[in-house]
C-alpha atoms as a PDB file:
ATOM      1  CA  MET A   1      98.055  51.550  81.470  1.00  0.00           C
ATOM      2  CA  LYS A   2      95.405  54.154  80.928  1.00  0.00           C
ATOM      3  CA  ALA A   3      92.568  51.946  81.726  1.00  0.00           C
ATOM      4  CA  LEU A   4      94.141  50.794  85.008  1.00  0.00           C
ATOM      5  CA  PRO A   5      92.862  54.414  86.880  1.00  0.00           C
ATOM      6  CA  LEU A   6      89.637  53.818  84.927  1.00  0.00           C
ATOM      7  CA  THR A   7      89.305  50.296  86.545  1.00  0.00           C
ATOM      8  CA  THR A   8      90.596  51.378  90.044  1.00  0.00           C
ATOM      9  CA  LEU A   9      87.306  54.383  89.593  1.00  0.00           C
ATOM     10  CA  ALA A  10      84.871  51.944  88.366  1.00  0.00           C
ATOM     11  CA  ALA A  11      86.023  49.612  91.137  1.00  0.00           C
ATOM     12  CA  ALA A  12      85.427  52.163  94.079  1.00  0.00           C
ATOM     13  CA  PHE A  13      82.376  53.760  92.154  1.00  0.00           C
ATOM     14  CA  ALA A  14      80.589  49.961  91.953  1.00  0.00           C
ATOM     15  CA  VAL A  15      81.661  49.425  95.951  1.00  0.00           C
ATOM     16  CA  GLY A  16      80.000  52.666  96.810  1.00  0.00           C
ATOM     17  CA  LEU A  17      76.917  52.083  95.067  1.00  0.00           C
ATOM     18  CA  SER A  18      76.207  48.592  96.691  1.00  0.00           C
ATOM     19  CA  ALA A  19      77.409  49.574 100.300  1.00  0.00           C
ATOM     20  CA  PRO A  20      74.053  49.405 101.546  1.00  0.00           C
ATOM     21  CA  ALA A  21      73.257  45.956  99.843  1.00  0.00           C
ATOM     22  CA  LEU A  22      76.476  44.866 101.297  1.00  0.00           C
ATOM     23  CA  ALA A  23      76.259  45.849 105.010  1.00  0.00           C
ATOM     24  CA  GLN A  24      75.212  43.148 106.937  1.00  0.00           C
ATOM     25  CA  ASP A  25      75.878  41.685 110.180  1.00  0.00           C
ATOM     26  CA  ASP A  26      77.305  37.828 110.693  1.00  0.00           C
ATOM     27  CA  ALA A  27      76.583  36.160 113.988  1.00  0.00           C
ATOM     28  CA  ALA A  28      77.889  33.048 113.046  1.00  0.00           C
ATOM     29  CA  SER A  29      81.140  34.558 112.359  1.00  0.00           C
ATOM     30  CA  GLY A  30      81.503  37.481 114.955  1.00  0.00           C
ATOM     31  CA  GLY A  31      82.320  39.781 111.863  1.00  0.00           C
ATOM     32  CA  ARG A  32      80.243  42.541 110.120  1.00  0.00           C
ATOM     33  CA  LEU A  33      81.094  43.907 106.712  1.00  0.00           C
ATOM     34  CA  GLU A  34      80.828  47.895 106.667  1.00  0.00           C
ATOM     35  CA  PRO A  35      80.803  49.905 103.243  1.00  0.00           C
ATOM     36  CA  TYR A  36      81.812  53.305 103.713  1.00  0.00           C
ATOM     37  CA  VAL A  37      82.479  56.423 101.530  1.00  0.00           C
ATOM     38  CA  GLY A  38      83.817  59.805 102.286  1.00  0.00           C
ATOM     39  CA  VAL A  39      84.907  63.524 101.053  1.00  0.00           C
ATOM     40  CA  MET A  40      88.681  65.143 102.236  1.00  0.00           C
ATOM     41  CA  ALA A  41      90.718  67.439 101.426  1.00  0.00           C
ATOM     42  CA  GLY A  42      94.354  68.424 101.632  1.00  0.00           C
ATOM     43  CA  LEU A  43      98.028  69.123 100.369  1.00  0.00           C
ATOM     44  CA  HIS A  44     100.294  66.604  98.252  1.00  0.00           C
ATOM     45  CA  ASP A  45     103.488  68.083  98.278  1.00  0.00           C
ATOM     46  CA  PHE A  46     106.339  66.500  96.157  1.00  0.00           C
ATOM     47  CA  ASP A  47     109.034  68.838  97.969  1.00  0.00           C
ATOM     48  CA  ASN A  48     111.396  66.156  99.401  1.00  0.00           C
ATOM     49  CA  ASP A  49     114.424  64.718  98.004  1.00  0.00           C
ATOM     50  CA  GLN A  50     113.767  63.055  94.280  1.00  0.00           C
ATOM     51  CA  TYR A  51     114.523  59.658  92.541  1.00  0.00           C
ATOM     52  CA  LYS A  52     114.715  58.789  88.900  1.00  0.00           C
ATOM     53  CA  GLY A  53     111.240  59.329  87.178  1.00  0.00           C
ATOM     54  CA  SER A  54     109.462  61.473  89.669  1.00  0.00           C
ATOM     55  CA  PRO A  55     108.395  64.758  89.361  1.00  0.00           C
ATOM     56  CA  PRO A  56     110.436  67.620  90.158  1.00  0.00           C
ATOM     57  CA  SER A  57     111.282  69.046  93.320  1.00  0.00           C
ATOM     58  CA  GLY A  58     108.276  71.811  94.274  1.00  0.00           C
ATOM     59  CA  TYR A  59     105.601  69.955  92.911  1.00  0.00           C
ATOM     60  CA  ARG A  60     102.494  70.300  95.077  1.00  0.00           C
ATOM     61  CA  GLY A  61      98.881  71.010  94.800  1.00  0.00           C
ATOM     62  CA  TRP A  62      95.878  71.358  96.789  1.00  0.00           C
ATOM     63  CA  LEU A  63      93.171  68.697  96.388  1.00  0.00           C
ATOM     64  CA  ALA A  64      89.519  67.734  97.119  1.00  0.00           C
ATOM     65  CA  GLU A  65      89.192  63.957  97.295  1.00  0.00           C
ATOM     66  CA  GLY A  66      86.395  61.082  97.572  1.00  0.00           C
ATOM     67  CA  VAL A  67      87.123  57.798  98.719  1.00  0.00           C
ATOM     68  CA  ALA A  68      84.681  54.440  99.045  1.00  0.00           C
ATOM     69  CA  GLY A  69      85.665  51.382 100.359  1.00  0.00           C
ATOM     70  CA  LEU A  70      84.189  48.429 102.726  1.00  0.00           C
ATOM     71  CA  ASN A  71      85.994  47.054 105.943  1.00  0.00           C
ATOM     72  CA  TYR A  72      85.272  44.152 107.537  1.00  0.00           C
ATOM     73  CA  ASP A  73      85.228  44.212 111.307  1.00  0.00           C
ATOM     74  CA  LEU A  74      86.633  41.647 113.340  1.00  0.00           C
ATOM     75  CA  GLY A  75      86.219  43.076 116.746  1.00  0.00           C
ATOM     76  CA  PRO A  76      89.441  44.629 117.792  1.00  0.00           C
ATOM     77  CA  VAL A  77      90.983  44.562 114.420  1.00  0.00           C
ATOM     78  CA  ILE A  78      89.448  45.546 111.099  1.00  0.00           C
ATOM     79  CA  ILE A  79      90.619  44.948 107.351  1.00  0.00           C
ATOM     80  CA  GLY A  80      89.369  46.607 104.912  1.00  0.00           C
ATOM     81  CA  ALA A  81      89.995  47.886 100.848  1.00  0.00           C
ATOM     82  CA  GLU A  82      89.381  51.346  99.434  1.00  0.00           C
ATOM     83  CA  GLY A  83      89.561  53.468  96.280  1.00  0.00           C
ATOM     84  CA  SER A  84      90.157  57.029  95.920  1.00  0.00           C
ATOM     85  CA  VAL A  85      89.842  59.923  93.113  1.00  0.00           C
ATOM     86  CA  ALA A  86      91.012  63.366  93.983  1.00  0.00           C
ATOM     87  CA  LYS A  87      90.835  66.559  91.880  1.00  0.00           C
ATOM     88  CA  GLY A  88      93.581  69.204  92.353  1.00  0.00           C
ATOM     89  CA  PHE A  89      92.267  72.966  92.195  1.00  0.00           C
ATOM     90  CA  ASP A  90      95.157  74.820  93.237  1.00  0.00           C
ATOM     91  CA  LYS A  91      98.575  74.229  92.036  1.00  0.00           C
ATOM     92  CA  ASP A  92     100.384  71.546  90.179  1.00  0.00           C
ATOM     93  CA  ILE A  93      97.887  68.355  90.283  1.00  0.00           C
ATOM     94  CA  ASP A  94      95.136  67.593  87.902  1.00  0.00           C
ATOM     95  CA  TRP A  95      94.031  64.470  89.059  1.00  0.00           C
ATOM     96  CA  GLU A  96      95.014  61.637  91.714  1.00  0.00           C
ATOM     97  CA  TYR A  97      93.205  58.260  91.695  1.00  0.00           C
ATOM     98  CA  GLY A  98      94.428  55.264  94.139  1.00  0.00           C
ATOM     99  CA  ALA A  99      93.502  51.882  95.661  1.00  0.00           C
ATOM    100  CA  ALA A 100      94.564  50.469  99.031  1.00  0.00           C
ATOM    101  CA  GLY A 101      94.493  48.440 101.402  1.00  0.00           C
ATOM    102  CA  ARG A 102      93.610  49.075 105.543  1.00  0.00           C
ATOM    103  CA  LEU A 103      94.619  47.644 108.215  1.00  0.00           C
ATOM    104  CA  GLY A 104      92.953  49.333 111.800  1.00  0.00           C
ATOM    105  CA  VAL A 105      92.735  48.428 115.362  1.00  0.00           C
ATOM    106  CA  LYS A 106      89.507  50.173 117.524  1.00  0.00           C
ATOM    107  CA  ALA A 107      89.769  52.608 119.811  1.00  0.00           C
ATOM    108  CA  GLY A 108      87.423  53.966 122.301  1.00  0.00           C
ATOM    109  CA  LYS A 109      83.415  52.937 121.425  1.00  0.00           C
ATOM    110  CA  ASP A 110      83.516  53.329 117.370  1.00  0.00           C
ATOM    111  CA  SER A 111      86.680  55.051 116.330  1.00  0.00           C
ATOM    112  CA  MET A 112      90.338  53.380 114.719  1.00  0.00           C
ATOM    113  CA  PHE A 113      93.360  53.876 114.139  1.00  0.00           C
ATOM    114  CA  PHE A 114      94.356  52.443 111.191  1.00  0.00           C
ATOM    115  CA  ALA A 115      97.748  51.753 108.316  1.00  0.00           C
ATOM    116  CA  LYS A 116      97.253  51.242 104.660  1.00  0.00           C
ATOM    117  CA  VAL A 117      99.253  50.468 101.624  1.00  0.00           C
ATOM    118  CA  GLY A 118      98.350  50.813  98.061  1.00  0.00           C
ATOM    119  CA  TYR A 119      98.978  52.268  94.363  1.00  0.00           C
ATOM    120  CA  GLN A 120      98.535  55.913  93.185  1.00  0.00           C
ATOM    121  CA  TRP A 121      98.646  57.465  90.114  1.00  0.00           C
ATOM    122  CA  THR A 122      98.421  61.164  89.532  1.00  0.00           C
ATOM    123  CA  GLN A 123      98.470  63.189  86.565  1.00  0.00           C
ATOM    124  CA  PHE A 124      99.836  66.754  86.656  1.00  0.00           C
ATOM    125  CA  ASP A 125      97.905  69.583  85.682  1.00  0.00           C
ATOM    126  CA  ASP A 126      98.855  71.304  81.535  1.00  0.00           C
ATOM    127  CA  SER A 127     100.627  74.477  83.983  1.00  0.00           C
ATOM    128  CA  ALA A 128     102.986  72.212  85.700  1.00  0.00           C
ATOM    129  CA  ARG A 129     105.800  72.391  83.418  1.00  0.00           C
ATOM    130  CA  PRO A 130     108.203  69.282  83.623  1.00  0.00           C
ATOM    131  CA  PRO A 131     111.647  69.487  82.363  1.00  0.00           C
ATOM    132  CA  VAL A 132     111.569  67.763  79.089  1.00  0.00           C
ATOM    133  CA  SER A 133     112.465  64.337  80.780  1.00  0.00           C
ATOM    134  CA  THR A 134     110.130  64.012  83.304  1.00  0.00           C
ATOM    135  CA  SER A 135     106.535  63.248  82.553  1.00  0.00           C
ATOM    136  CA  ARG A 136     103.380  64.645  83.764  1.00  0.00           C
ATOM    137  CA  LYS A 137     102.332  60.967  84.895  1.00  0.00           C
ATOM    138  CA  TYR A 138     103.329  59.904  88.352  1.00  0.00           C
ATOM    139  CA  ASP A 139     102.732  56.806  89.994  1.00  0.00           C
ATOM    140  CA  GLY A 140     104.146  54.058  92.817  1.00  0.00           C
ATOM    141  CA  VAL A 141     103.301  52.679  95.578  1.00  0.00           C
ATOM    142  CA  THR A 142     101.810  54.807  98.366  1.00  0.00           C
ATOM    143  CA  TYR A 143     101.303  53.993 102.227  1.00  0.00           C
ATOM    144  CA  GLY A 144     100.210  55.754 105.656  1.00  0.00           C
ATOM    145  CA  PHE A 145      98.477  55.809 108.867  1.00  0.00           C
ATOM    146  CA  GLY A 146      95.392  57.774 109.969  1.00  0.00           C
ATOM    147  CA  THR A 147      92.746  58.082 112.356  1.00  0.00           C
ATOM    148  CA  GLU A 148      88.779  57.717 112.438  1.00  0.00           C
ATOM    149  CA  ILE A 149      87.101  59.117 115.336  1.00  0.00           C
ATOM    150  CA  SER A 150      83.384  58.145 115.598  1.00  0.00           C
ATOM    151  CA  LEU A 151      81.264  60.787 117.044  1.00  0.00           C
ATOM    152  CA  ALA A 152      79.900  58.356 119.745  1.00  0.00           C
ATOM    153  CA  ASP A 153      83.832  58.793 121.027  1.00  0.00           C
ATOM    154  CA  LEU A 154      83.383  62.590 120.832  1.00  0.00           C
ATOM    155  CA  GLY A 155      80.921  62.975 123.827  1.00  0.00           C
ATOM    156  CA  GLY A 156      77.440  60.891 122.541  1.00  0.00           C
ATOM    157  CA  SER A 157      75.600  58.345 124.526  1.00  0.00           C
ATOM    158  CA  ALA A 158      75.388  55.717 121.437  1.00  0.00           C
ATOM    159  CA  ASP A 159      77.951  52.909 121.299  1.00  0.00           C
ATOM    160  CA  ARG A 160      78.115  53.923 117.355  1.00  0.00           C
ATOM    161  CA  SER A 161      77.955  56.315 114.534  1.00  0.00           C
ATOM    162  CA  ASN A 162      77.663  56.048 111.015  1.00  0.00           C
ATOM    163  CA  LEU A 163      79.784  59.642 110.728  1.00  0.00           C
ATOM    164  CA  ARG A 164      83.476  59.754 111.318  1.00  0.00           C
ATOM    165  CA  LEU A 165      85.833  62.423 111.523  1.00  0.00           C
ATOM    166  CA  ARG A 166      88.745  61.247 109.254  1.00  0.00           C
ATOM    167  CA  ALA A 167      92.590  62.496 109.276  1.00  0.00           C
ATOM    168  CA  GLN A 168      95.170  60.407 107.293  1.00  0.00           C
ATOM    169  CA  VAL A 169      98.859  61.058 106.191  1.00  0.00           C
ATOM    170  CA  ASP A 170     100.553  59.191 103.308  1.00  0.00           C
ATOM    171  CA  THR A 171     103.739  59.202 101.416  1.00  0.00           C
ATOM    172  CA  ARG A 172     105.031  57.336  98.205  1.00  0.00           C
ATOM    173  CA  GLY A 173     108.481  55.497  97.775  1.00  0.00           C
ATOM    174  CA  ASP A 174     111.314  56.489 100.054  1.00  0.00           C
ATOM    175  CA  PHE A 175     108.980  59.516 101.822  1.00  0.00           C
ATOM    176  CA  HIS A 176     109.442  61.612  98.471  1.00  0.00           C
ATOM    177  CA  SER A 177     105.839  63.531  99.093  1.00  0.00           C
ATOM    178  CA  PHE A 178     104.063  63.834 102.024  1.00  0.00           C
ATOM    179  CA  ARG A 179     100.052  63.962 101.423  1.00  0.00           C
ATOM    180  CA  PRO A 180      98.133  65.113 104.950  1.00  0.00           C
ATOM    181  CA  MET A 181      94.393  64.574 104.623  1.00  0.00           C
ATOM    182  CA  ALA A 182      91.113  65.392 106.731  1.00  0.00           C
ATOM    183  CA  GLY A 183      87.416  64.842 106.187  1.00  0.00           C
ATOM    184  CA  ILE A 184      84.455  62.933 107.210  1.00  0.00           C
ATOM    185  CA  VAL A 185      83.686  59.730 106.388  1.00  0.00           C
ATOM    186  CA  ALA A 186      79.919  58.061 106.836  1.00  0.00           C
ATOM    187  CA  LYS A 187      79.706  53.940 106.994  1.00  0.00           C
ATOM    188  CA  PHE A 188      76.752  52.047 106.588  1.00  0.00           C
END
């Protein structure tokens, strides 16, 4: 089970490193591959009703997160996959790793709204002293929604921009956590 987060991290890193080689226009199919990398920050709060196997209510932490992914632009619809690694820098969370699929709809010149679903692993900090029955590790299905706003849609004259401002909200289980994140994404 420990190898799965490392495998996810390695896959996300490989996508990020190979991104420029993968970026291409495919006129025959009308689609386009768009690799991207980004940096975000936010808060993960486990302060909702808890269920068996979840961390105690009140666990939370501020995070800095790196994401890498690949979108396939089908015109008005975008499908993709991404991996993420987050480091906690305050409170209870030490590390988080995740992988997710995304489905987006274009808005404006080059912006999009998206929904995502995936799996996420959390390692709590040593200072987060759980009760004897609770592990310092927690994983589960994650899902959420967000938007990426292209600089081209913020008053620029270009039809496309390689930079997007990103905001998203994720949760786990049956809304047992709240994870708002914001940052910047660069696509190739």
